Structures are given as structure tokens and as C-alpha cells.
Amino acid sequence: MDVLILAAGRGARMRPLTDRTPKPLLRVGGESLIARLVGQLAAAGLRRLVVNHAHLGEQIVQALGDGGRWGVRIRYSDESGGALETGGGICQALPWLESDPFLVVNGDLYTDYPFGDSALAAGDLARLVLVDNPPHHPGGDFHLAGDRLVPPPSDAPRLTFAGIGLYRHELFQDCPRGRAFPLAPLLRRAVAAGRAGGEHYRGLWEDVGTPARLAELNRRLAGA
């Protein structure tokens, strides 16, 4: 199965750290977030990778190369002309994502999620990994009923999208190539159509979206 690693974000909440370093290259436990992720994907048997990049993207290309050190093949989707947001970035990379479905993973994750274990149900367009709501995002994103994503009643609890999803090409069949647009409306359309599944992952997952959270994670790892 092909994998797209999303690494084109500006990382504005991580400034000033991301003024000179793209967020996926920030280090946790002595290793960059994206290098750790590539190693996890390789260990799961996922060896055909695409990485999109924009802000300081040449540093990501230099750091990862062709993926040979991990036994994977890495190709790059260059958005240096202007980042295309999540939906636009996936759409731009579709020609390199030959498998159907394909996996999309945020390049700045710190998790022990078992990549390669998920499967897409027949007829579904998407399967999302959801996690407990972190303190900075208490409202969550999606409502999970069993293994189905469903439109939530007004008082129903929601879980947070973990930045890990399995998608079919059909989800993006009408997407405008080369234009920036978000992924969320496509996902909500699939949920409304009853064509989206999900899972509640309760293992390690950290959102290191600010310098303070990154420093705290590094402190915890050093203590452990």
C-alpha cells in the first residue's frame, strides 16, 4: 500500500522553531519526527512513500533522500509554489499514489500506532484513526458509533482526528488539481453518505503542535 506523508505545513504555532526548520524535522528523543515515522512505516512493511513539502522543503528532501537507509522508496510532491492545504496536497500527490486505498499520515506525529493494520470496508471512501481529545482540542472532530463515523446528535461526544487516514481515490475524484483546499469537507461528505469508518486508538499519540508541548514531551522521554 502506498503512503503519503504530509509535511508541507508552515508550522506557524511552532514558531520560532519552524522559522529555520520545517516542523517534521524537529527532534523528539534525539530523532526527527519524520525520520521516526518513516522507520515505523518501513517496519510495518509499507515501503512506497510519497512526501509532500513546501516550507523549507529542501531540508526534508536532504534529510530523507530516496529512503534507501530504511529500505523504502520515497518520492516527493513539491508544493514550494504555495502549500495546498491537506486536501489539495493529497489531490496533487494522487498520480504517485497507485494503491487504492492509500494511507495518509501527518508528518509531525509522535505515536506508536500500528501502521499497516487498518483496512477499508467495502464501499467506504475513508477510515479515520481517532484519539481522545487533548486538552487544547476538547470538542473533538468526529462522532464514532462502533466502527462507523456518523453525523453526531447535538449532545454526542466527539473524538479527535489523529492525522492518520485510509482513503480511496474516489473521495478525491472531483478535486481541483493545483488548488489549495481543506480535507475536512470531503470527509464530512463521506460521513453524511454513510461511507466512512473509524477506530478509537487508545495508545501513544502526542500532538506536539507548540514549542511548550514539544519541550514537555522531550522532558518526559528523557525522564523515562
C-alpha atoms as a PDB file:
ATOM      1  CA  MET A   1       0.000   0.000   0.000  1.00  0.00           C
ATOM      2  CA  ASP A   2       1.213   3.490  -0.848  1.00  0.00           C
ATOM      3  CA  VAL A   3       1.616   6.117   1.873  1.00  0.00           C
ATOM      4  CA  LEU A   4       1.527   9.903   1.660  1.00  0.00           C
ATOM      5  CA  ILE A   5       3.312  11.739   4.470  1.00  0.00           C
ATOM      6  CA  LEU A   6       2.014  15.285   4.811  1.00  0.00           C
ATOM      7  CA  ALA A   7       4.970  17.550   5.513  1.00  0.00           C
ATOM      8  CA  ALA A   8       4.073  20.798   3.730  1.00  0.00           C
ATOM      9  CA  GLY A   9       2.607  22.772   6.625  1.00  0.00           C
ATOM     10  CA  ARG A  10       4.155  26.031   7.773  1.00  0.00           C
ATOM     11  CA  GLY A  11       4.090  25.041  11.451  1.00  0.00           C
ATOM     12  CA  ALA A  12       3.091  28.559  12.486  1.00  0.00           C
ATOM     13  CA  ARG A  13       2.243  27.551  16.065  1.00  0.00           C
ATOM     14  CA  MET A  14       5.760  26.166  16.402  1.00  0.00           C
ATOM     15  CA  ARG A  15       7.474  29.450  15.637  1.00  0.00           C
ATOM     16  CA  PRO A  16      10.214  30.469  16.173  1.00  0.00           C
ATOM     17  CA  LEU A  17      11.445  26.861  15.934  1.00  0.00           C
ATOM     18  CA  THR A  18       9.992  26.494  12.445  1.00  0.00           C
ATOM     19  CA  ASP A  19      11.424  29.729  11.082  1.00  0.00           C
ATOM     20  CA  ARG A  20      14.537  27.818  10.038  1.00  0.00           C
ATOM     21  CA  THR A  21      13.475  24.174  10.371  1.00  0.00           C
ATOM     22  CA  PRO A  22      10.359  22.521   8.920  1.00  0.00           C
ATOM     23  CA  LYS A  23       8.180  21.107  11.677  1.00  0.00           C
ATOM     24  CA  PRO A  24       8.593  17.411  10.668  1.00  0.00           C
ATOM     25  CA  LEU A  25      12.367  17.774  11.179  1.00  0.00           C
ATOM     26  CA  LEU A  26      12.029  18.906  14.793  1.00  0.00           C
ATOM     27  CA  ARG A  27      13.610  16.343  17.071  1.00  0.00           C
ATOM     28  CA  VAL A  28      11.968  14.229  19.743  1.00  0.00           C
ATOM     29  CA  GLY A  29      14.132  11.872  21.749  1.00  0.00           C
ATOM     30  CA  GLY A  30      17.124  12.640  19.531  1.00  0.00           C
ATOM     31  CA  GLU A  31      15.399  11.815  16.235  1.00  0.00           C
ATOM     32  CA  SER A  32      13.337  13.952  13.889  1.00  0.00           C
ATOM     33  CA  LEU A  33       9.596  13.335  13.886  1.00  0.00           C
ATOM     34  CA  ILE A  34       9.513  12.414  10.212  1.00  0.00           C
ATOM     35  CA  ALA A  35      12.552  10.101  10.341  1.00  0.00           C
ATOM     36  CA  ARG A  36      10.935   8.215  13.215  1.00  0.00           C
ATOM     37  CA  LEU A  37       7.717   7.973  11.199  1.00  0.00           C
ATOM     38  CA  VAL A  38       9.488   6.653   8.098  1.00  0.00           C
ATOM     39  CA  GLY A  39      11.124   3.999  10.260  1.00  0.00           C
ATOM     40  CA  GLN A  40       7.756   2.968  11.694  1.00  0.00           C
ATOM     41  CA  LEU A  41       6.186   2.706   8.244  1.00  0.00           C
ATOM     42  CA  ALA A  42       9.112   0.638   6.985  1.00  0.00           C
ATOM     43  CA  ALA A  43       8.814  -1.700   9.985  1.00  0.00           C
ATOM     44  CA  ALA A  44       5.125  -2.148   9.159  1.00  0.00           C
ATOM     45  CA  GLY A  45       6.031  -3.248   5.622  1.00  0.00           C
ATOM     46  CA  LEU A  46       4.901  -0.011   3.959  1.00  0.00           C
ATOM     47  CA  ARG A  47       7.709   0.786   1.554  1.00  0.00           C
ATOM     48  CA  ARG A  48       6.253   3.035  -1.163  1.00  0.00           C
ATOM     49  CA  LEU A  49       6.177   6.525   0.291  1.00  0.00           C
ATOM     50  CA  VAL A  50       5.382   9.972  -1.052  1.00  0.00           C
ATOM     51  CA  VAL A  51       6.267  13.071   0.963  1.00  0.00           C
ATOM     52  CA  ASN A  52       4.808  16.462   0.139  1.00  0.00           C
ATOM     53  CA  HIS A  53       6.722  19.558   1.159  1.00  0.00           C
ATOM     54  CA  ALA A  54       6.637  23.339   0.859  1.00  0.00           C
ATOM     55  CA  HIS A  55       8.123  25.478   3.652  1.00  0.00           C
ATOM     56  CA  LEU A  56      11.885  24.779   3.748  1.00  0.00           C
ATOM     57  CA  GLY A  57      11.095  21.570   1.917  1.00  0.00           C
ATOM     58  CA  GLU A  58      14.615  21.142   0.545  1.00  0.00           C
ATOM     59  CA  GLN A  59      15.701  20.311   4.111  1.00  0.00           C
ATOM     60  CA  ILE A  60      13.234  17.410   4.195  1.00  0.00           C
ATOM     61  CA  VAL A  61      14.471  16.084   0.855  1.00  0.00           C
ATOM     62  CA  GLN A  62      18.066  16.322   2.043  1.00  0.00           C
ATOM     63  CA  ALA A  63      17.285  14.593   5.350  1.00  0.00           C
ATOM     64  CA  LEU A  64      15.318  11.662   3.913  1.00  0.00           C
ATOM     65  CA  GLY A  65      16.844  11.235   0.467  1.00  0.00           C
ATOM     66  CA  ASP A  66      15.403   8.370  -1.540  1.00  0.00           C
ATOM     67  CA  GLY A  67      14.570   6.384   1.594  1.00  0.00           C
ATOM     68  CA  GLY A  68      17.230   3.768   0.981  1.00  0.00           C
ATOM     69  CA  ARG A  69      18.552   3.807   4.541  1.00  0.00           C
ATOM     70  CA  TRP A  70      15.151   2.491   5.715  1.00  0.00           C
ATOM     71  CA  GLY A  71      14.644   0.134   2.784  1.00  0.00           C
ATOM     72  CA  VAL A  72      11.811   2.229   1.354  1.00  0.00           C
ATOM     73  CA  ARG A  73      11.315   4.301  -1.785  1.00  0.00           C
ATOM     74  CA  ILE A  74      10.480   7.963  -1.248  1.00  0.00           C
ATOM     75  CA  ARG A  75       9.140  10.283  -3.909  1.00  0.00           C
ATOM     76  CA  TYR A  76       8.342  13.941  -3.370  1.00  0.00           C
ATOM     77  CA  SER A  77       5.369  16.135  -4.185  1.00  0.00           C
ATOM     78  CA  ASP A  78       6.756  19.660  -4.348  1.00  0.00           C
ATOM     79  CA  GLU A  79       4.442  22.451  -3.196  1.00  0.00           C
ATOM     80  CA  SER A  80       7.113  25.118  -2.952  1.00  0.00           C
ATOM     81  CA  GLY A  81       4.995  27.361  -5.183  1.00  0.00           C
ATOM     82  CA  GLY A  82       2.450  27.534  -2.355  1.00  0.00           C
ATOM     83  CA  ALA A  83       1.233  24.946   0.134  1.00  0.00           C
ATOM     84  CA  LEU A  84      -2.062  23.386  -0.949  1.00  0.00           C
ATOM     85  CA  GLU A  85      -3.565  22.546   2.476  1.00  0.00           C
ATOM     86  CA  THR A  86      -4.383  18.948   3.334  1.00  0.00           C
ATOM     87  CA  GLY A  87      -7.000  18.249   0.670  1.00  0.00           C
ATOM     88  CA  GLY A  88      -5.093  19.997  -2.085  1.00  0.00           C
ATOM     89  CA  GLY A  89      -1.859  18.312  -1.059  1.00  0.00           C
ATOM     90  CA  ILE A  90      -3.420  14.855  -1.290  1.00  0.00           C
ATOM     91  CA  CYS A  91      -5.017  15.685  -4.634  1.00  0.00           C
ATOM     92  CA  GLN A  92      -1.687  16.917  -6.012  1.00  0.00           C
ATOM     93  CA  ALA A  93       0.035  13.680  -4.976  1.00  0.00           C
ATOM     94  CA  LEU A  94      -2.588  11.281  -6.377  1.00  0.00           C
ATOM     95  CA  PRO A  95      -0.580  10.380  -9.526  1.00  0.00           C
ATOM     96  CA  TRP A  96       2.127   8.865  -7.277  1.00  0.00           C
ATOM     97  CA  LEU A  97      -0.369   7.010  -5.058  1.00  0.00           C
ATOM     98  CA  GLU A  98      -1.088   3.937  -7.112  1.00  0.00           C
ATOM     99  CA  SER A  99      -2.716   1.719  -4.496  1.00  0.00           C
ATOM    100  CA  ASP A 100      -6.418   2.015  -3.734  1.00  0.00           C
ATOM    101  CA  PRO A 101      -6.869   2.605  -0.868  1.00  0.00           C
ATOM    102  CA  PHE A 102      -3.795   4.527   0.246  1.00  0.00           C
ATOM    103  CA  LEU A 103      -2.660   5.727   3.662  1.00  0.00           C
ATOM    104  CA  VAL A 104      -2.135   9.383   4.588  1.00  0.00           C
ATOM    105  CA  VAL A 105      -0.210  10.313   7.734  1.00  0.00           C
ATOM    106  CA  ASN A 106       0.719  13.696   9.161  1.00  0.00           C
ATOM    107  CA  GLY A 107       4.494  14.087   9.121  1.00  0.00           C
ATOM    108  CA  ASP A 108       4.672  15.634  12.590  1.00  0.00           C
ATOM    109  CA  LEU A 109       3.053  12.810  14.591  1.00  0.00           C
ATOM    110  CA  TYR A 110       4.557  11.148  17.636  1.00  0.00           C
ATOM    111  CA  THR A 111       2.680   7.879  18.080  1.00  0.00           C
ATOM    112  CA  ASP A 112       3.049   4.123  18.368  1.00  0.00           C
ATOM    113  CA  TYR A 113       0.021   3.421  16.158  1.00  0.00           C
ATOM    114  CA  PRO A 114       0.453   0.065  14.332  1.00  0.00           C
ATOM    115  CA  PHE A 115       0.581   1.260  10.735  1.00  0.00           C
ATOM    116  CA  GLY A 116      -0.490  -1.346   8.228  1.00  0.00           C
ATOM    117  CA  ASP A 117      -3.148  -2.965  10.424  1.00  0.00           C
ATOM    118  CA  SER A 118      -6.135  -0.936   9.175  1.00  0.00           C
ATOM    119  CA  ALA A 119      -8.443  -1.984   6.357  1.00  0.00           C
ATOM    120  CA  LEU A 120     -11.169  -0.123   4.497  1.00  0.00           C
ATOM    121  CA  ALA A 121     -14.642  -1.647   4.496  1.00  0.00           C
ATOM    122  CA  ALA A 122     -16.268  -2.414   1.156  1.00  0.00           C
ATOM    123  CA  GLY A 123     -17.980   0.678  -0.184  1.00  0.00           C
ATOM    124  CA  ASP A 124     -16.253   3.067   2.193  1.00  0.00           C
ATOM    125  CA  LEU A 125     -14.276   6.057   0.992  1.00  0.00           C
ATOM    126  CA  ALA A 126     -12.360   6.704   4.209  1.00  0.00           C
ATOM    127  CA  ARG A 127     -11.326   5.201   7.527  1.00  0.00           C
ATOM    128  CA  LEU A 128     -10.004   7.576  10.173  1.00  0.00           C
ATOM    129  CA  VAL A 129      -7.992   6.972  13.312  1.00  0.00           C
ATOM    130  CA  LEU A 130      -9.442   8.930  16.229  1.00  0.00           C
ATOM    131  CA  VAL A 131      -7.974   9.587  19.670  1.00  0.00           C
ATOM    132  CA  ASP A 132      -9.134  11.011  22.989  1.00  0.00           C
ATOM    133  CA  ASN A 133      -9.494  14.764  22.876  1.00  0.00           C
ATOM    134  CA  PRO A 134      -6.322  16.549  24.035  1.00  0.00           C
ATOM    135  CA  PRO A 135      -6.706  19.491  26.423  1.00  0.00           C
ATOM    136  CA  HIS A 136      -6.202  22.042  23.656  1.00  0.00           C
ATOM    137  CA  HIS A 137      -8.961  20.472  21.499  1.00  0.00           C
ATOM    138  CA  PRO A 138     -11.699  19.429  23.933  1.00  0.00           C
ATOM    139  CA  GLY A 139     -14.557  19.486  21.423  1.00  0.00           C
ATOM    140  CA  GLY A 140     -13.117  16.822  19.138  1.00  0.00           C
ATOM    141  CA  ASP A 141     -13.871  16.343  15.437  1.00  0.00           C
ATOM    142  CA  PHE A 142     -15.947  13.241  14.667  1.00  0.00           C
ATOM    143  CA  HIS A 143     -18.527  11.019  16.355  1.00  0.00           C
ATOM    144  CA  LEU A 144     -17.774   7.299  16.316  1.00  0.00           C
ATOM    145  CA  ALA A 145     -20.549   4.713  16.698  1.00  0.00           C
ATOM    146  CA  GLY A 146     -18.908   1.306  16.863  1.00  0.00           C
ATOM    147  CA  ASP A 147     -16.603   1.377  13.864  1.00  0.00           C
ATOM    148  CA  ARG A 148     -18.683   3.871  11.874  1.00  0.00           C
ATOM    149  CA  LEU A 149     -18.360   7.631  11.622  1.00  0.00           C
ATOM    150  CA  VAL A 150     -21.848   9.110  11.798  1.00  0.00           C
ATOM    151  CA  PRO A 151     -23.262  12.638  11.943  1.00  0.00           C
ATOM    152  CA  PRO A 152     -23.424  13.353  15.678  1.00  0.00           C
ATOM    153  CA  PRO A 153     -26.517  14.407  17.608  1.00  0.00           C
ATOM    154  CA  SER A 154     -26.014  17.851  19.079  1.00  0.00           C
ATOM    155  CA  ASP A 155     -25.023  16.490  22.508  1.00  0.00           C
ATOM    156  CA  ALA A 156     -22.986  13.491  21.314  1.00  0.00           C
ATOM    157  CA  PRO A 157     -19.310  13.241  22.278  1.00  0.00           C
ATOM    158  CA  ARG A 158     -16.694  13.555  19.590  1.00  0.00           C
ATOM    159  CA  LEU A 159     -13.155  12.252  19.281  1.00  0.00           C
ATOM    160  CA  THR A 160     -10.154  13.985  17.727  1.00  0.00           C
ATOM    161  CA  PHE A 161      -8.860  13.059  14.280  1.00  0.00           C
ATOM    162  CA  ALA A 162      -5.342  11.698  14.781  1.00  0.00           C
ATOM    163  CA  GLY A 163      -3.980  12.725  11.381  1.00  0.00           C
ATOM    164  CA  ILE A 164      -3.978   9.113  10.155  1.00  0.00           C
ATOM    165  CA  GLY A 165      -6.430   8.074   7.464  1.00  0.00           C
ATOM    166  CA  LEU A 166      -7.037   5.449   4.814  1.00  0.00           C
ATOM    167  CA  TYR A 167      -8.675   6.800   1.640  1.00  0.00           C
ATOM    168  CA  ARG A 168      -9.942   5.680  -1.725  1.00  0.00           C
ATOM    169  CA  HIS A 169      -9.165   7.678  -4.853  1.00  0.00           C
ATOM    170  CA  GLU A 170     -12.893   8.135  -5.355  1.00  0.00           C
ATOM    171  CA  LEU A 171     -13.002  10.504  -2.376  1.00  0.00           C
ATOM    172  CA  PHE A 172     -10.952  12.971  -4.462  1.00  0.00           C
ATOM    173  CA  GLN A 173     -12.446  12.303  -7.889  1.00  0.00           C
ATOM    174  CA  ASP A 174     -13.686  15.861  -8.382  1.00  0.00           C
ATOM    175  CA  CYS A 175     -10.853  17.668  -6.632  1.00  0.00           C
ATOM    176  CA  PRO A 176      -9.193  20.643  -8.362  1.00  0.00           C
ATOM    177  CA  ARG A 177      -5.526  19.871  -9.041  1.00  0.00           C
ATOM    178  CA  GLY A 178      -3.092  22.573  -8.040  1.00  0.00           C
ATOM    179  CA  ARG A 179      -5.535  24.441  -5.801  1.00  0.00           C
ATOM    180  CA  ALA A 180      -5.459  24.715  -2.030  1.00  0.00           C
ATOM    181  CA  PHE A 181      -8.443  23.279  -0.176  1.00  0.00           C
ATOM    182  CA  PRO A 182      -9.075  21.515   3.152  1.00  0.00           C
ATOM    183  CA  LEU A 183      -9.741  17.806   3.594  1.00  0.00           C
ATOM    184  CA  ALA A 184     -12.458  18.132   6.246  1.00  0.00           C
ATOM    185  CA  PRO A 185     -15.391  18.927   3.891  1.00  0.00           C
ATOM    186  CA  LEU A 186     -14.658  15.796   1.830  1.00  0.00           C
ATOM    187  CA  LEU A 187     -14.556  13.693   4.979  1.00  0.00           C
ATOM    188  CA  ARG A 188     -17.799  15.130   6.320  1.00  0.00           C
ATOM    189  CA  ARG A 189     -19.465  14.444   2.977  1.00  0.00           C
ATOM    190  CA  ALA A 190     -18.353  10.798   3.181  1.00  0.00           C
ATOM    191  CA  VAL A 191     -19.653  10.596   6.766  1.00  0.00           C
ATOM    192  CA  ALA A 192     -23.022  12.027   5.721  1.00  0.00           C
ATOM    193  CA  ALA A 193     -23.221   9.460   2.911  1.00  0.00           C
ATOM    194  CA  GLY A 194     -22.529   6.599   5.332  1.00  0.00           C
ATOM    195  CA  ARG A 195     -19.251   5.766   3.609  1.00  0.00           C
ATOM    196  CA  ALA A 196     -16.711   6.394   6.385  1.00  0.00           C
ATOM    197  CA  GLY A 197     -15.402   4.128   9.119  1.00  0.00           C
ATOM    198  CA  GLY A 198     -13.122   4.763  12.037  1.00  0.00           C
ATOM    199  CA  GLU A 199     -11.354   3.413  15.071  1.00  0.00           C
ATOM    200  CA  HIS A 200     -10.640   4.785  18.528  1.00  0.00           C
ATOM    201  CA  TYR A 201      -6.928   4.414  19.170  1.00  0.00           C
ATOM    202  CA  ARG A 202      -6.030   4.483  22.861  1.00  0.00           C
ATOM    203  CA  GLY A 203      -2.265   4.037  22.590  1.00  0.00           C
ATOM    204  CA  LEU A 204       0.504   6.604  22.441  1.00  0.00           C
ATOM    205  CA  TRP A 205      -0.376   9.699  20.430  1.00  0.00           C
ATOM    206  CA  GLU A 206       1.045  13.150  21.048  1.00  0.00           C
ATOM    207  CA  ASP A 207       0.229  16.435  19.380  1.00  0.00           C
ATOM    208  CA  VAL A 208       3.485  18.377  19.547  1.00  0.00           C
ATOM    209  CA  GLY A 209       1.997  21.472  17.968  1.00  0.00           C
ATOM    210  CA  THR A 210       3.688  24.104  20.124  1.00  0.00           C
ATOM    211  CA  PRO A 211       7.221  24.608  21.466  1.00  0.00           C
ATOM    212  CA  ALA A 212       5.940  24.073  25.011  1.00  0.00           C
ATOM    213  CA  ARG A 213       4.357  20.696  24.155  1.00  0.00           C
ATOM    214  CA  LEU A 214       7.469  19.626  22.259  1.00  0.00           C
ATOM    215  CA  ALA A 215       9.693  20.529  25.213  1.00  0.00           C
ATOM    216  CA  GLU A 216       7.389  18.702  27.633  1.00  0.00           C
ATOM    217  CA  LEU A 217       7.445  15.543  25.507  1.00  0.00           C
ATOM    218  CA  ASN A 218      11.246  15.638  25.357  1.00  0.00           C
ATOM    219  CA  ARG A 219      11.395  16.074  29.135  1.00  0.00           C
ATOM    220  CA  ARG A 220       9.141  13.065  29.667  1.00  0.00           C
ATOM    221  CA  LEU A 221      11.178  10.913  27.317  1.00  0.00           C
ATOM    222  CA  ALA A 222      14.424  11.971  28.982  1.00  0.00           C
ATOM    223  CA  GLY A 223      12.957  11.097  32.377  1.00  0.00           C
ATOM    224  CA  ALA A 224      11.766   7.714  31.137  1.00  0.00           C
END
